[in-house]
Amino acid sequence: GTYYTDSVKGRFTISRDNDKSTLYLQMNELKPEDTAVYYCTGW
């Protein structure tokens, strides 16, 4: 499934396309506290 930290729950949506080996993050209702460097990671 998908998992979120509480501060972004309901605003962000994570998804992936395995056929394209691509990860996405849709970010809505952005707030100043969302300002950051965002890293894609594979575990």
Full PDB file with SEQRES, HELIX, SHEET, SSBOND, CRYST1, ORIGX, SCALE, CONECT and MASTER records, all heavy atoms in Angstrom:
SEQRES   1 A   43  GLY THR TYR TYR THR ASP SER VAL LYS GLY ARG PHE THR          
SEQRES   2 A   43  ILE SER ARG ASP ASN ASP LYS SER THR LEU TYR LEU GLN          
SEQRES   3 A   43  MET ASN GLU LEU LYS PRO GLU ASP THR ALA VAL TYR TYR          
SEQRES   4 A   43  CYS THR GLY TRP                                              
HELIX    1 AA1 ASP A    6  VAL A    8  5                                   3    
HELIX    2 AA2 PRO A   32  ASP A   34  5                                   3    
SHEET    1 AA1 2 PHE A  12  ASP A  17  0                                        
SHEET    2 AA1 2 THR A  22  MET A  27 -1                                        
CRYST1    1.000    1.000    1.000  90.00  90.00  90.00 P 1           1          
ORIGX1      1.000000  0.000000  0.000000        0.00000                         
ORIGX2      0.000000  1.000000  0.000000        0.00000                         
ORIGX3      0.000000  0.000000  1.000000        0.00000                         
SCALE1      1.000000  0.000000  0.000000        0.00000                         
SCALE2      0.000000  1.000000  0.000000        0.00000                         
SCALE3      0.000000  0.000000  1.000000        0.00000                         
ATOM      1  N   GLY A   1       0.798  -1.208   0.000  1.00  0.00           N  
ATOM      2  CA  GLY A   1       0.000   0.000   0.000  1.00  0.00           C  
ATOM      3  C   GLY A   1       0.831   1.258   0.000  1.00  0.00           C  
ATOM      4  O   GLY A   1       2.016   1.242  -0.355  1.00  0.00           O  
ATOM      5  N   THR A   2       0.202   2.352   0.391  1.00  0.00           N  
ATOM      6  CA  THR A   2       0.852   3.651   0.455  1.00  0.00           C  
ATOM      7  C   THR A   2       0.821   4.175   1.878  1.00  0.00           C  
ATOM      8  O   THR A   2      -0.108   3.884   2.644  1.00  0.00           O  
ATOM      9  CB  THR A   2       0.188   4.659  -0.495  1.00  0.00           C  
ATOM     10  OG1 THR A   2      -1.206   4.795  -0.142  1.00  0.00           O  
ATOM     11  CG2 THR A   2       0.275   4.187  -1.934  1.00  0.00           C  
ATOM     12  N   TYR A   3       1.823   4.998   2.209  1.00  0.00           N  
ATOM     13  CA  TYR A   3       2.000   5.453   3.589  1.00  0.00           C  
ATOM     14  C   TYR A   3       2.467   6.898   3.587  1.00  0.00           C  
ATOM     15  O   TYR A   3       3.219   7.318   2.706  1.00  0.00           O  
ATOM     16  CB  TYR A   3       3.026   4.561   4.296  1.00  0.00           C  
ATOM     17  CG  TYR A   3       2.762   3.091   4.070  1.00  0.00           C  
ATOM     18  CD1 TYR A   3       3.344   2.427   2.990  1.00  0.00           C  
ATOM     19  CD2 TYR A   3       1.922   2.375   4.911  1.00  0.00           C  
ATOM     20  CE1 TYR A   3       3.085   1.083   2.758  1.00  0.00           C  
ATOM     21  CE2 TYR A   3       1.658   1.035   4.688  1.00  0.00           C  
ATOM     22  CZ  TYR A   3       2.244   0.394   3.625  1.00  0.00           C  
ATOM     23  OH  TYR A   3       1.984  -0.936   3.389  1.00  0.00           O  
ATOM     24  N   TYR A   4       2.022   7.671   4.604  1.00  0.00           N  
ATOM     25  CA  TYR A   4       2.316   9.088   4.661  1.00  0.00           C  
ATOM     26  C   TYR A   4       2.588   9.526   6.088  1.00  0.00           C  
ATOM     27  O   TYR A   4       1.984   9.018   7.038  1.00  0.00           O  
ATOM     28  CB  TYR A   4       1.143   9.919   4.132  1.00  0.00           C  
ATOM     29  CG  TYR A   4       0.726   9.571   2.732  1.00  0.00           C  
ATOM     30  CD1 TYR A   4      -0.249   8.609   2.498  1.00  0.00           C  
ATOM     31  CD2 TYR A   4       1.301  10.210   1.637  1.00  0.00           C  
ATOM     32  CE1 TYR A   4      -0.634   8.281   1.209  1.00  0.00           C  
ATOM     33  CE2 TYR A   4       0.920   9.886   0.348  1.00  0.00           C  
ATOM     34  CZ  TYR A   4      -0.046   8.921   0.139  1.00  0.00           C  
ATOM     35  OH  TYR A   4      -0.424   8.604  -1.143  1.00  0.00           O  
ATOM     36  N   THR A   5       3.467  10.500   6.242  1.00  0.00           N  
ATOM     37  CA  THR A   5       3.614  11.156   7.522  1.00  0.00           C  
ATOM     38  C   THR A   5       2.387  12.041   7.749  1.00  0.00           C  
ATOM     39  O   THR A   5       1.763  12.514   6.796  1.00  0.00           O  
ATOM     40  CB  THR A   5       4.921  11.971   7.576  1.00  0.00           C  
ATOM     41  OG1 THR A   5       5.173  12.384   8.918  1.00  0.00           O  
ATOM     42  CG2 THR A   5       4.848  13.188   6.677  1.00  0.00           C  
ATOM     43  N   ASP A   6       2.017  12.244   9.008  1.00  0.00           N  
ATOM     44  CA  ASP A   6       0.763  12.928   9.332  1.00  0.00           C  
ATOM     45  C   ASP A   6       0.658  14.325   8.718  1.00  0.00           C  
ATOM     46  O   ASP A   6      -0.436  14.752   8.328  1.00  0.00           O  
ATOM     47  CB  ASP A   6       0.588  13.023  10.846  1.00  0.00           C  
ATOM     48  CG  ASP A   6       0.193  11.704  11.480  1.00  0.00           C  
ATOM     49  OD1 ASP A   6      -0.233  10.792  10.747  1.00  0.00           O  
ATOM     50  OD2 ASP A   6       0.304  11.595  12.718  1.00  0.00           O  
ATOM     51  N   SER A   7       1.746  15.035   8.633  1.00  0.00           N  
ATOM     52  CA  SER A   7       1.706  16.417   8.175  1.00  0.00           C  
ATOM     53  C   SER A   7       1.324  16.574   6.703  1.00  0.00           C  
ATOM     54  O   SER A   7       0.920  17.660   6.286  1.00  0.00           O  
ATOM     55  CB  SER A   7       3.047  17.109   8.438  1.00  0.00           C  
ATOM     56  OG  SER A   7       4.082  16.517   7.678  1.00  0.00           O  
ATOM     57  N   VAL A   8       1.438  15.510   5.913  1.00  0.00           N  
ATOM     58  CA  VAL A   8       1.101  15.592   4.491  1.00  0.00           C  
ATOM     59  C   VAL A   8      -0.112  14.753   4.127  1.00  0.00           C  
ATOM     60  O   VAL A   8      -0.580  14.816   2.983  1.00  0.00           O  
ATOM     61  CB  VAL A   8       2.290  15.190   3.594  1.00  0.00           C  
ATOM     62  CG1 VAL A   8       3.540  15.958   3.985  1.00  0.00           C  
ATOM     63  CG2 VAL A   8       2.533  13.687   3.635  1.00  0.00           C  
ATOM     64  N   LYS A   9      -0.632  14.006   5.069  1.00  0.00           N  
ATOM     65  CA  LYS A   9      -1.766  13.126   4.811  1.00  0.00           C  
ATOM     66  C   LYS A   9      -2.972  13.937   4.325  1.00  0.00           C  
ATOM     67  O   LYS A   9      -3.348  14.935   4.931  1.00  0.00           O  
ATOM     68  CB  LYS A   9      -2.113  12.344   6.072  1.00  0.00           C  
ATOM     69  CG  LYS A   9      -2.875  11.055   5.827  1.00  0.00           C  
ATOM     70  CD  LYS A   9      -2.934  10.198   7.098  1.00  0.00           C  
ATOM     71  CE  LYS A   9      -1.548   9.753   7.538  1.00  0.00           C  
ATOM     72  NZ  LYS A   9      -1.588   8.922   8.774  1.00  0.00           N  
ATOM     73  N   GLY A  10      -3.572  13.503   3.226  1.00  0.00           N  
ATOM     74  CA  GLY A  10      -4.698  14.206   2.640  1.00  0.00           C  
ATOM     75  C   GLY A  10      -4.308  15.260   1.625  1.00  0.00           C  
ATOM     76  O   GLY A  10      -5.174  15.758   0.895  1.00  0.00           O  
ATOM     77  N   ARG A  11      -3.043  15.623   1.574  1.00  0.00           N  
ATOM     78  CA  ARG A  11      -2.546  16.617   0.625  1.00  0.00           C  
ATOM     79  C   ARG A  11      -1.641  16.017  -0.443  1.00  0.00           C  
ATOM     80  O   ARG A  11      -1.651  16.456  -1.593  1.00  0.00           O  
ATOM     81  CB  ARG A  11      -1.792  17.729   1.351  1.00  0.00           C  
ATOM     82  CG  ARG A  11      -2.634  18.491   2.361  1.00  0.00           C  
ATOM     83  CD  ARG A  11      -1.885  19.709   2.892  1.00  0.00           C  
ATOM     84  NE  ARG A  11      -0.676  19.335   3.630  1.00  0.00           N  
ATOM     85  CZ  ARG A  11       0.557  19.726   3.301  1.00  0.00           C  
ATOM     86  NH1 ARG A  11       0.754  20.500   2.244  1.00  0.00           N  
ATOM     87  NH2 ARG A  11       1.594  19.354   4.045  1.00  0.00           N  
ATOM     88  N   PHE A  12      -0.837  15.029  -0.069  1.00  0.00           N  
ATOM     89  CA  PHE A  12       0.111  14.405  -0.988  1.00  0.00           C  
ATOM     90  C   PHE A  12      -0.380  13.019  -1.390  1.00  0.00           C  
ATOM     91  O   PHE A  12      -1.021  12.315  -0.596  1.00  0.00           O  
ATOM     92  CB  PHE A  12       1.482  14.250  -0.337  1.00  0.00           C  
ATOM     93  CG  PHE A  12       2.232  15.531  -0.080  1.00  0.00           C  
ATOM     94  CD1 PHE A  12       1.623  16.771  -0.242  1.00  0.00           C  
ATOM     95  CD2 PHE A  12       3.554  15.483   0.326  1.00  0.00           C  
ATOM     96  CE1 PHE A  12       2.322  17.945   0.004  1.00  0.00           C  
ATOM     97  CE2 PHE A  12       4.265  16.642   0.572  1.00  0.00           C  
ATOM     98  CZ  PHE A  12       3.650  17.874   0.413  1.00  0.00           C  
ATOM     99  N   THR A  13      -0.049  12.616  -2.609  1.00  0.00           N  
ATOM    100  CA  THR A  13      -0.374  11.288  -3.097  1.00  0.00           C  
ATOM    101  C   THR A  13       0.845  10.688  -3.782  1.00  0.00           C  
ATOM    102  O   THR A  13       1.363  11.265  -4.740  1.00  0.00           O  
ATOM    103  CB  THR A  13      -1.549  11.309  -4.082  1.00  0.00           C  
ATOM    104  OG1 THR A  13      -2.697  11.901  -3.463  1.00  0.00           O  
ATOM    105  CG2 THR A  13      -1.901   9.891  -4.517  1.00  0.00           C  
ATOM    106  N   ILE A  14       1.285   9.539  -3.290  1.00  0.00           N  
ATOM    107  CA  ILE A  14       2.411   8.845  -3.893  1.00  0.00           C  
ATOM    108  C   ILE A  14       1.885   7.772  -4.845  1.00  0.00           C  
ATOM    109  O   ILE A  14       0.853   7.152  -4.598  1.00  0.00           O  
ATOM    110  CB  ILE A  14       3.329   8.229  -2.815  1.00  0.00           C  
ATOM    111  CG1 ILE A  14       4.645   7.723  -3.423  1.00  0.00           C  
ATOM    112  CG2 ILE A  14       2.614   7.111  -2.062  1.00  0.00           C  
ATOM    113  CD1 ILE A  14       5.679   7.314  -2.376  1.00  0.00           C  
ATOM    114  N   SER A  15       2.587   7.568  -5.945  1.00  0.00           N  
ATOM    115  CA  SER A  15       2.217   6.537  -6.905  1.00  0.00           C  
ATOM    116  C   SER A  15       3.459   6.080  -7.650  1.00  0.00           C  
ATOM    117  O   SER A  15       4.522   6.711  -7.555  1.00  0.00           O  
ATOM    118  CB  SER A  15       1.145   7.039  -7.884  1.00  0.00           C  
ATOM    119  OG  SER A  15       1.620   8.140  -8.635  1.00  0.00           O  
ATOM    120  N   ARG A  16       3.332   4.989  -8.379  1.00  0.00           N  
ATOM    121  CA  ARG A  16       4.462   4.479  -9.143  1.00  0.00           C  
ATOM    122  C   ARG A  16       3.977   3.805 -10.407  1.00  0.00           C  
ATOM    123  O   ARG A  16       2.857   3.286 -10.472  1.00  0.00           O  
ATOM    124  CB  ARG A  16       5.301   3.506  -8.304  1.00  0.00           C  
ATOM    125  CG  ARG A  16       4.570   2.222  -7.931  1.00  0.00           C  
ATOM    126  CD  ARG A  16       5.308   1.450  -6.834  1.00  0.00           C  
ATOM    127  NE  ARG A  16       6.601   0.963  -7.277  1.00  0.00           N  
ATOM    128  CZ  ARG A  16       7.534   0.475  -6.463  1.00  0.00           C  
ATOM    129  NH1 ARG A  16       7.316   0.443  -5.145  1.00  0.00           N  
ATOM    130  NH2 ARG A  16       8.683   0.037  -6.955  1.00  0.00           N  
ATOM    131  N   ASP A  17       4.818   3.804 -11.410  1.00  0.00           N  
ATOM    132  CA  ASP A  17       4.573   3.093 -12.658  1.00  0.00           C  
ATOM    133  C   ASP A  17       5.737   2.134 -12.847  1.00  0.00           C  
ATOM    134  O   ASP A  17       6.822   2.540 -13.268  1.00  0.00           O  
ATOM    135  CB  ASP A  17       4.463   4.070 -13.826  1.00  0.00           C  
ATOM    136  CG  ASP A  17       4.055   3.396 -15.124  1.00  0.00           C  
ATOM    137  OD1 ASP A  17       4.266   2.182 -15.267  1.00  0.00           O  
ATOM    138  OD2 ASP A  17       3.517   4.088 -16.004  1.00  0.00           O  
ATOM    139  N   ASN A  18       5.518   0.874 -12.511  1.00  0.00           N  
ATOM    140  CA  ASN A  18       6.599  -0.106 -12.581  1.00  0.00           C  
ATOM    141  C   ASN A  18       7.062  -0.367 -14.013  1.00  0.00           C  
ATOM    142  O   ASN A  18       8.231  -0.677 -14.235  1.00  0.00           O  
ATOM    143  CB  ASN A  18       6.175  -1.416 -11.917  1.00  0.00           C  
ATOM    144  CG  ASN A  18       6.124  -1.317 -10.407  1.00  0.00           C  
ATOM    145  OD1 ASN A  18       6.732  -0.431  -9.808  1.00  0.00           O  
ATOM    146  ND2 ASN A  18       5.392  -2.226  -9.776  1.00  0.00           N  
ATOM    147  N   ASP A  19       6.153  -0.261 -14.972  1.00  0.00           N  
ATOM    148  CA  ASP A  19       6.533  -0.459 -16.372  1.00  0.00           C  
ATOM    149  C   ASP A  19       7.503   0.614 -16.843  1.00  0.00           C  
ATOM    150  O   ASP A  19       8.320   0.371 -17.729  1.00  0.00           O  
ATOM    151  CB  ASP A  19       5.304  -0.470 -17.275  1.00  0.00           C  
ATOM    152  CG  ASP A  19       4.441  -1.704 -17.080  1.00  0.00           C  
ATOM    153  OD1 ASP A  19       4.957  -2.728 -16.586  1.00  0.00           O  
ATOM    154  OD2 ASP A  19       3.248  -1.655 -17.429  1.00  0.00           O  
ATOM    155  N   LYS A  20       7.404   1.800 -16.257  1.00  0.00           N  
ATOM    156  CA  LYS A  20       8.284   2.911 -16.613  1.00  0.00           C  
ATOM    157  C   LYS A  20       9.379   3.154 -15.585  1.00  0.00           C  
ATOM    158  O   LYS A  20      10.189   4.072 -15.753  1.00  0.00           O  
ATOM    159  CB  LYS A  20       7.473   4.188 -16.805  1.00  0.00           C  
ATOM    160  CG  LYS A  20       6.476   4.121 -17.942  1.00  0.00           C  
ATOM    161  CD  LYS A  20       5.709   5.431 -18.074  1.00  0.00           C  
ATOM    162  CE  LYS A  20       4.730   5.383 -19.235  1.00  0.00           C  
ATOM    163  NZ  LYS A  20       3.954   6.644 -19.360  1.00  0.00           N  
ATOM    164  N   SER A  21       9.405   2.347 -14.519  1.00  0.00           N  
ATOM    165  CA  SER A  21      10.369   2.513 -13.426  1.00  0.00           C  
ATOM    166  C   SER A  21      10.401   3.964 -12.938  1.00  0.00           C  
ATOM    167  O   SER A  21      11.470   4.571 -12.791  1.00  0.00           O  
ATOM    168  CB  SER A  21      11.767   2.057 -13.867  1.00  0.00           C  
ATOM    169  OG  SER A  21      11.784   0.668 -14.122  1.00  0.00           O  
ATOM    170  N   THR A  22       9.218   4.495 -12.673  1.00  0.00           N  
ATOM    171  CA  THR A  22       9.093   5.892 -12.278  1.00  0.00           C  
ATOM    172  C   THR A  22       8.225   6.026 -11.034  1.00  0.00           C  
ATOM    173  O   THR A  22       7.181   5.377 -10.925  1.00  0.00           O  
ATOM    174  CB  THR A  22       8.507   6.739 -13.416  1.00  0.00           C  
ATOM    175  OG1 THR A  22       9.329   6.611 -14.578  1.00  0.00           O  
ATOM    176  CG2 THR A  22       8.450   8.202 -13.020  1.00  0.00           C  
ATOM    177  N   LEU A  23       8.663   6.856 -10.114  1.00  0.00           N  
ATOM    178  CA  LEU A  23       7.945   7.175  -8.884  1.00  0.00           C  
ATOM    179  C   LEU A  23       7.431   8.602  -8.973  1.00  0.00           C  
ATOM    180  O   LEU A  23       8.117   9.472  -9.520  1.00  0.00           O  
ATOM    181  CB  LEU A  23       8.884   7.027  -7.690  1.00  0.00           C  
ATOM    182  CG  LEU A  23       8.332   7.379  -6.307  1.00  0.00           C  
ATOM    183  CD1 LEU A  23       7.345   6.318  -5.847  1.00  0.00           C  
ATOM    184  CD2 LEU A  23       9.470   7.540  -5.310  1.00  0.00           C  
ATOM    185  N   TYR A  24       6.248   8.855  -8.406  1.00  0.00           N  
ATOM    186  CA  TYR A  24       5.639  10.174  -8.453  1.00  0.00           C  
ATOM    187  C   TYR A  24       5.213  10.625  -7.061  1.00  0.00           C  
ATOM    188  O   TYR A  24       4.951   9.809  -6.178  1.00  0.00           O  
ATOM    189  CB  TYR A  24       4.400  10.177  -9.349  1.00  0.00           C  
ATOM    190  CG  TYR A  24       4.633   9.695 -10.751  1.00  0.00           C  
ATOM    191  CD1 TYR A  24       4.361   8.377 -11.106  1.00  0.00           C  
ATOM    192  CD2 TYR A  24       5.123  10.556 -11.728  1.00  0.00           C  
ATOM    193  CE1 TYR A  24       4.572   7.933 -12.395  1.00  0.00           C  
ATOM    194  CE2 TYR A  24       5.337  10.111 -13.021  1.00  0.00           C  
ATOM    195  CZ  TYR A  24       5.058   8.800 -13.352  1.00  0.00           C  
ATOM    196  OH  TYR A  24       5.267   8.365 -14.637  1.00  0.00           O  
ATOM    197  N   LEU A  25       5.127  11.932  -6.891  1.00  0.00           N  
ATOM    198  CA  LEU A  25       4.524  12.513  -5.704  1.00  0.00           C  
ATOM    199  C   LEU A  25       3.699  13.721  -6.129  1.00  0.00           C  
ATOM    200  O   LEU A  25       4.261  14.742  -6.542  1.00  0.00           O  
ATOM    201  CB  LEU A  25       5.577  12.928  -4.675  1.00  0.00           C  
ATOM    202  CG  LEU A  25       5.024  13.426  -3.339  1.00  0.00           C  
ATOM    203  CD1 LEU A  25       4.332  12.287  -2.589  1.00  0.00           C  
ATOM    204  CD2 LEU A  25       6.135  14.026  -2.474  1.00  0.00           C  
ATOM    205  N   GLN A  26       2.382  13.596  -6.041  1.00  0.00           N  
ATOM    206  CA  GLN A  26       1.484  14.710  -6.299  1.00  0.00           C  
ATOM    207  C   GLN A  26       1.316  15.483  -5.006  1.00  0.00           C  
ATOM    208  O   GLN A  26       0.885  14.934  -3.996  1.00  0.00           O  
ATOM    209  CB  GLN A  26       0.133  14.213  -6.808  1.00  0.00           C  
ATOM    210  CG  GLN A  26      -0.885  15.311  -7.067  1.00  0.00           C  
ATOM    211  CD  GLN A  26      -0.469  16.228  -8.198  1.00  0.00           C  
ATOM    212  OE1 GLN A  26      -0.052  15.760  -9.250  1.00  0.00           O  
ATOM    213  NE2 GLN A  26      -0.575  17.526  -7.976  1.00  0.00           N  
ATOM    214  N   MET A  27       1.647  16.765  -5.033  1.00  0.00           N  
ATOM    215  CA  MET A  27       1.632  17.604  -3.847  1.00  0.00           C  
ATOM    216  C   MET A  27       0.611  18.720  -4.039  1.00  0.00           C  
ATOM    217  O   MET A  27       0.774  19.572  -4.910  1.00  0.00           O  
ATOM    218  CB  MET A  27       3.021  18.193  -3.590  1.00  0.00           C  
ATOM    219  CG  MET A  27       4.129  17.149  -3.616  1.00  0.00           C  
ATOM    220  SD  MET A  27       5.793  17.870  -3.692  1.00  0.00           S  
ATOM    221  CE  MET A  27       5.904  18.589  -2.072  1.00  0.00           C  
ATOM    222  N   ASN A  28      -0.443  18.707  -3.242  1.00  0.00           N  
ATOM    223  CA  ASN A  28      -1.493  19.716  -3.296  1.00  0.00           C  
ATOM    224  C   ASN A  28      -1.537  20.508  -2.003  1.00  0.00           C  
ATOM    225  O   ASN A  28      -0.997  20.085  -0.979  1.00  0.00           O  
ATOM    226  CB  ASN A  28      -2.851  19.063  -3.548  1.00  0.00           C  
ATOM    227  CG  ASN A  28      -2.923  18.314  -4.849  1.00  0.00           C  
ATOM    228  OD1 ASN A  28      -2.312  18.707  -5.839  1.00  0.00           O  
ATOM    229  ND2 ASN A  28      -3.685  17.231  -4.868  1.00  0.00           N  
ATOM    230  N   GLU A  29      -2.197  21.663  -2.051  1.00  0.00           N  
ATOM    231  CA  GLU A  29      -2.370  22.518  -0.879  1.00  0.00           C  
ATOM    232  C   GLU A  29      -1.041  22.748  -0.172  1.00  0.00           C  
ATOM    233  O   GLU A  29      -0.930  22.621   1.049  1.00  0.00           O  
ATOM    234  CB  GLU A  29      -3.385  21.905   0.082  1.00  0.00           C  
ATOM    235  CG  GLU A  29      -4.756  21.654  -0.540  1.00  0.00           C  
ATOM    236  CD  GLU A  29      -5.672  20.854   0.366  1.00  0.00           C  
ATOM    237  OE1 GLU A  29      -5.784  21.208   1.561  1.00  0.00           O  
ATOM    238  OE2 GLU A  29      -6.270  19.872  -0.106  1.00  0.00           O  
ATOM    239  N   LEU A  30      -0.047  23.121  -0.938  1.00  0.00           N  
ATOM    240  CA  LEU A  30       1.299  23.275  -0.399  1.00  0.00           C  
ATOM    241  C   LEU A  30       1.385  24.417   0.603  1.00  0.00           C  
ATOM    242  O   LEU A  30       0.734  25.451   0.452  1.00  0.00           O  
ATOM    243  CB  LEU A  30       2.293  23.483  -1.531  1.00  0.00           C  
ATOM    244  CG  LEU A  30       2.639  22.197  -2.295  1.00  0.00           C  
ATOM    245  CD1 LEU A  30       3.233  22.518  -3.656  1.00  0.00           C  
ATOM    246  CD2 LEU A  30       3.596  21.344  -1.476  1.00  0.00           C  
ATOM    247  N   LYS A  31       2.192  24.197   1.620  1.00  0.00           N  
ATOM    248  CA  LYS A  31       2.398  25.148   2.702  1.00  0.00           C  
ATOM    249  C   LYS A  31       3.867  25.555   2.761  1.00  0.00           C  
ATOM    250  O   LYS A  31       4.729  24.804   2.317  1.00  0.00           O  
ATOM    251  CB  LYS A  31       1.984  24.527   4.041  1.00  0.00           C  
ATOM    252  CG  LYS A  31       0.559  24.009   4.081  1.00  0.00           C  
ATOM    253  CD  LYS A  31       0.281  23.294   5.393  1.00  0.00           C  
ATOM    254  CE  LYS A  31      -1.142  22.782   5.443  1.00  0.00           C  
ATOM    255  NZ  LYS A  31      -1.421  22.069   6.721  1.00  0.00           N  
ATOM    256  N   PRO A  32       4.162  26.721   3.329  1.00  0.00           N  
ATOM    257  CA  PRO A  32       5.568  27.133   3.450  1.00  0.00           C  
ATOM    258  C   PRO A  32       6.437  26.096   4.156  1.00  0.00           C  
ATOM    259  O   PRO A  32       7.612  25.949   3.804  1.00  0.00           O  
ATOM    260  CB  PRO A  32       5.484  28.430   4.255  1.00  0.00           C  
ATOM    261  CG  PRO A  32       4.157  28.993   3.898  1.00  0.00           C  
ATOM    262  CD  PRO A  32       3.250  27.800   3.761  1.00  0.00           C  
ATOM    263  N   GLU A  33       5.889  25.378   5.119  1.00  0.00           N  
ATOM    264  CA  GLU A  33       6.659  24.369   5.828  1.00  0.00           C  
ATOM    265  C   GLU A  33       6.988  23.140   4.985  1.00  0.00           C  
ATOM    266  O   GLU A  33       7.749  22.272   5.419  1.00  0.00           O  
ATOM    267  CB  GLU A  33       5.953  23.938   7.128  1.00  0.00           C  
ATOM    268  CG  GLU A  33       4.507  23.534   6.944  1.00  0.00           C  
ATOM    269  CD  GLU A  33       3.528  24.649   7.279  1.00  0.00           C  
ATOM    270  OE1 GLU A  33       3.767  25.798   6.864  1.00  0.00           O  
ATOM    271  OE2 GLU A  33       2.524  24.365   7.964  1.00  0.00           O  
ATOM    272  N   ASP A  34       6.431  23.053   3.776  1.00  0.00           N  
ATOM    273  CA  ASP A  34       6.796  21.994   2.844  1.00  0.00           C  
ATOM    274  C   ASP A  34       8.084  22.311   2.091  1.00  0.00           C  
ATOM    275  O   ASP A  34       8.597  21.456   1.365  1.00  0.00           O  
ATOM    276  CB  ASP A  34       5.679  21.741   1.831  1.00  0.00           C  
ATOM    277  CG  ASP A  34       4.418  21.187   2.472  1.00  0.00           C  
ATOM    278  OD1 ASP A  34       4.526  20.317   3.364  1.00  0.00           O  
ATOM    279  OD2 ASP A  34       3.319  21.626   2.076  1.00  0.00           O  
ATOM    280  N   THR A  35       8.584  23.525   2.238  1.00  0.00           N  
ATOM    281  CA  THR A  35       9.829  23.915   1.579  1.00  0.00           C  
ATOM    282  C   THR A  35      10.964  23.000   2.026  1.00  0.00           C  
ATOM    283  O   THR A  35      11.248  22.879   3.216  1.00  0.00           O  
ATOM    284  CB  THR A  35      10.172  25.372   1.894  1.00  0.00           C  
ATOM    285  OG1 THR A  35       9.171  26.227   1.339  1.00  0.00           O  
ATOM    286  CG2 THR A  35      11.530  25.753   1.314  1.00  0.00           C  
ATOM    287  N   ALA A  36      11.604  22.349   1.068  1.00  0.00           N  
ATOM    288  CA  ALA A  36      12.655  21.389   1.383  1.00  0.00           C  
ATOM    289  C   ALA A  36      13.260  20.857   0.099  1.00  0.00           C  
ATOM    290  O   ALA A  36      12.725  21.052  -0.993  1.00  0.00           O  
ATOM    291  CB  ALA A  36      12.094  20.218   2.209  1.00  0.00           C  
ATOM    292  N   VAL A  37      14.380  20.169   0.247  1.00  0.00           N  
ATOM    293  CA  VAL A  37      14.900  19.332  -0.821  1.00  0.00           C  
ATOM    294  C   VAL A  37      14.246  17.968  -0.683  1.00  0.00           C  
ATOM    295  O   VAL A  37      14.283  17.366   0.393  1.00  0.00           O  
ATOM    296  CB  VAL A  37      16.431  19.204  -0.762  1.00  0.00           C  
ATOM    297  CG1 VAL A  37      16.936  18.235  -1.827  1.00  0.00           C  
ATOM    298  CG2 VAL A  37      17.083  20.570  -0.941  1.00  0.00           C  
ATOM    299  N   TYR A  38      13.642  17.494  -1.750  1.00  0.00           N  
ATOM    300  CA  TYR A  38      12.948  16.211  -1.743  1.00  0.00           C  
ATOM    301  C   TYR A  38      13.790  15.163  -2.445  1.00  0.00           C  
ATOM    302  O   TYR A  38      14.211  15.355  -3.590  1.00  0.00           O  
ATOM    303  CB  TYR A  38      11.583  16.340  -2.420  1.00  0.00           C  
ATOM    304  CG  TYR A  38      10.551  17.029  -1.558  1.00  0.00           C  
ATOM    305  CD1 TYR A  38      10.642  18.388  -1.291  1.00  0.00           C  
ATOM    306  CD2 TYR A  38       9.495  16.313  -1.002  1.00  0.00           C  
ATOM    307  CE1 TYR A  38       9.712  19.017  -0.476  1.00  0.00           C  
ATOM    308  CE2 TYR A  38       8.554  16.937  -0.195  1.00  0.00           C  
ATOM    309  CZ  TYR A  38       8.667  18.282   0.062  1.00  0.00           C  
ATOM    310  OH  TYR A  38       7.741  18.912   0.862  1.00  0.00           O  
ATOM    311  N   TYR A  39      14.020  14.046  -1.753  1.00  0.00           N  
ATOM    312  CA  TYR A  39      14.835  12.962  -2.268  1.00  0.00           C  
ATOM    313  C   TYR A  39      13.985  11.742  -2.588  1.00  0.00           C  
ATOM    314  O   TYR A  39      13.129  11.349  -1.791  1.00  0.00           O  
ATOM    315  CB  TYR A  39      15.898  12.545  -1.251  1.00  0.00           C  
ATOM    316  CG  TYR A  39      16.886  13.625  -0.896  1.00  0.00           C  
ATOM    317  CD1 TYR A  39      16.690  14.439   0.213  1.00  0.00           C  
ATOM    318  CD2 TYR A  39      18.026  13.829  -1.669  1.00  0.00           C  
ATOM    319  CE1 TYR A  39      17.594  15.425   0.547  1.00  0.00           C  
ATOM    320  CE2 TYR A  39      18.941  14.813  -1.339  1.00  0.00           C  
ATOM    321  CZ  TYR A  39      18.723  15.608  -0.232  1.00  0.00           C  
ATOM    322  OH  TYR A  39      19.629  16.582   0.100  1.00  0.00           O  
ATOM    323  N   CYS A  40      14.234  11.142  -3.716  1.00  0.00           N  
ATOM    324  CA  CYS A  40      13.669   9.857  -4.086  1.00  0.00           C  
ATOM    325  C   CYS A  40      14.592   8.760  -3.574  1.00  0.00           C  
ATOM    326  O   CYS A  40      15.812   8.817  -3.802  1.00  0.00           O  
ATOM    327  CB  CYS A  40      13.544   9.792  -5.616  1.00  0.00           C  
ATOM    328  SG  CYS A  40      13.086   8.192  -6.288  1.00  0.00           S  
ATOM    329  N   THR A  41      14.037   7.774  -2.862  1.00  0.00           N  
ATOM    330  CA  THR A  41      14.856   6.696  -2.307  1.00  0.00           C  
ATOM    331  C   THR A  41      14.234   5.337  -2.602  1.00  0.00           C  
ATOM    332  O   THR A  41      13.014   5.188  -2.622  1.00  0.00           O  
ATOM    333  CB  THR A  41      15.034   6.830  -0.788  1.00  0.00           C  
ATOM    334  OG1 THR A  41      13.801   6.546  -0.115  1.00  0.00           O  
ATOM    335  CG2 THR A  41      15.496   8.233  -0.421  1.00  0.00           C  
ATOM    336  N   GLY A  42      15.087   4.345  -2.824  1.00  0.00           N  
ATOM    337  CA  GLY A  42      14.661   2.964  -2.999  1.00  0.00           C  
ATOM    338  C   GLY A  42      15.257   2.106  -1.906  1.00  0.00           C  
ATOM    339  O   GLY A  42      16.476   2.126  -1.695  1.00  0.00           O  
ATOM    340  N   TRP A  43      14.403   1.354  -1.210  1.00  0.00           N  
ATOM    341  CA  TRP A  43      14.853   0.531  -0.078  1.00  0.00           C  
ATOM    342  C   TRP A  43      14.713  -0.945  -0.436  1.00  0.00           C  
ATOM    343  O   TRP A  43      13.618  -1.429  -0.725  1.00  0.00           O  
ATOM    344  CB  TRP A  43      14.041   0.842   1.178  1.00  0.00           C  
ATOM    345  CG  TRP A  43      14.185   2.255   1.657  1.00  0.00           C  
ATOM    346  CD1 TRP A  43      15.107   3.172   1.248  1.00  0.00           C  
ATOM    347  CD2 TRP A  43      13.381   2.911   2.630  1.00  0.00           C  
ATOM    348  NE1 TRP A  43      14.925   4.363   1.899  1.00  0.00           N  
ATOM    349  CE2 TRP A  43      13.873   4.231   2.763  1.00  0.00           C  
ATOM    350  CE3 TRP A  43      12.294   2.519   3.402  1.00  0.00           C  
ATOM    351  CZ2 TRP A  43      13.319   5.150   3.631  1.00  0.00           C  
ATOM    352  CZ3 TRP A  43      11.730   3.437   4.284  1.00  0.00           C  
ATOM    353  CH2 TRP A  43      12.248   4.739   4.392  1.00  0.00           C  
TER     354      TRP A  43                                                      
MASTER        0    0    0    2    2    0    0    6  353    1    0    4          
END                                                                             
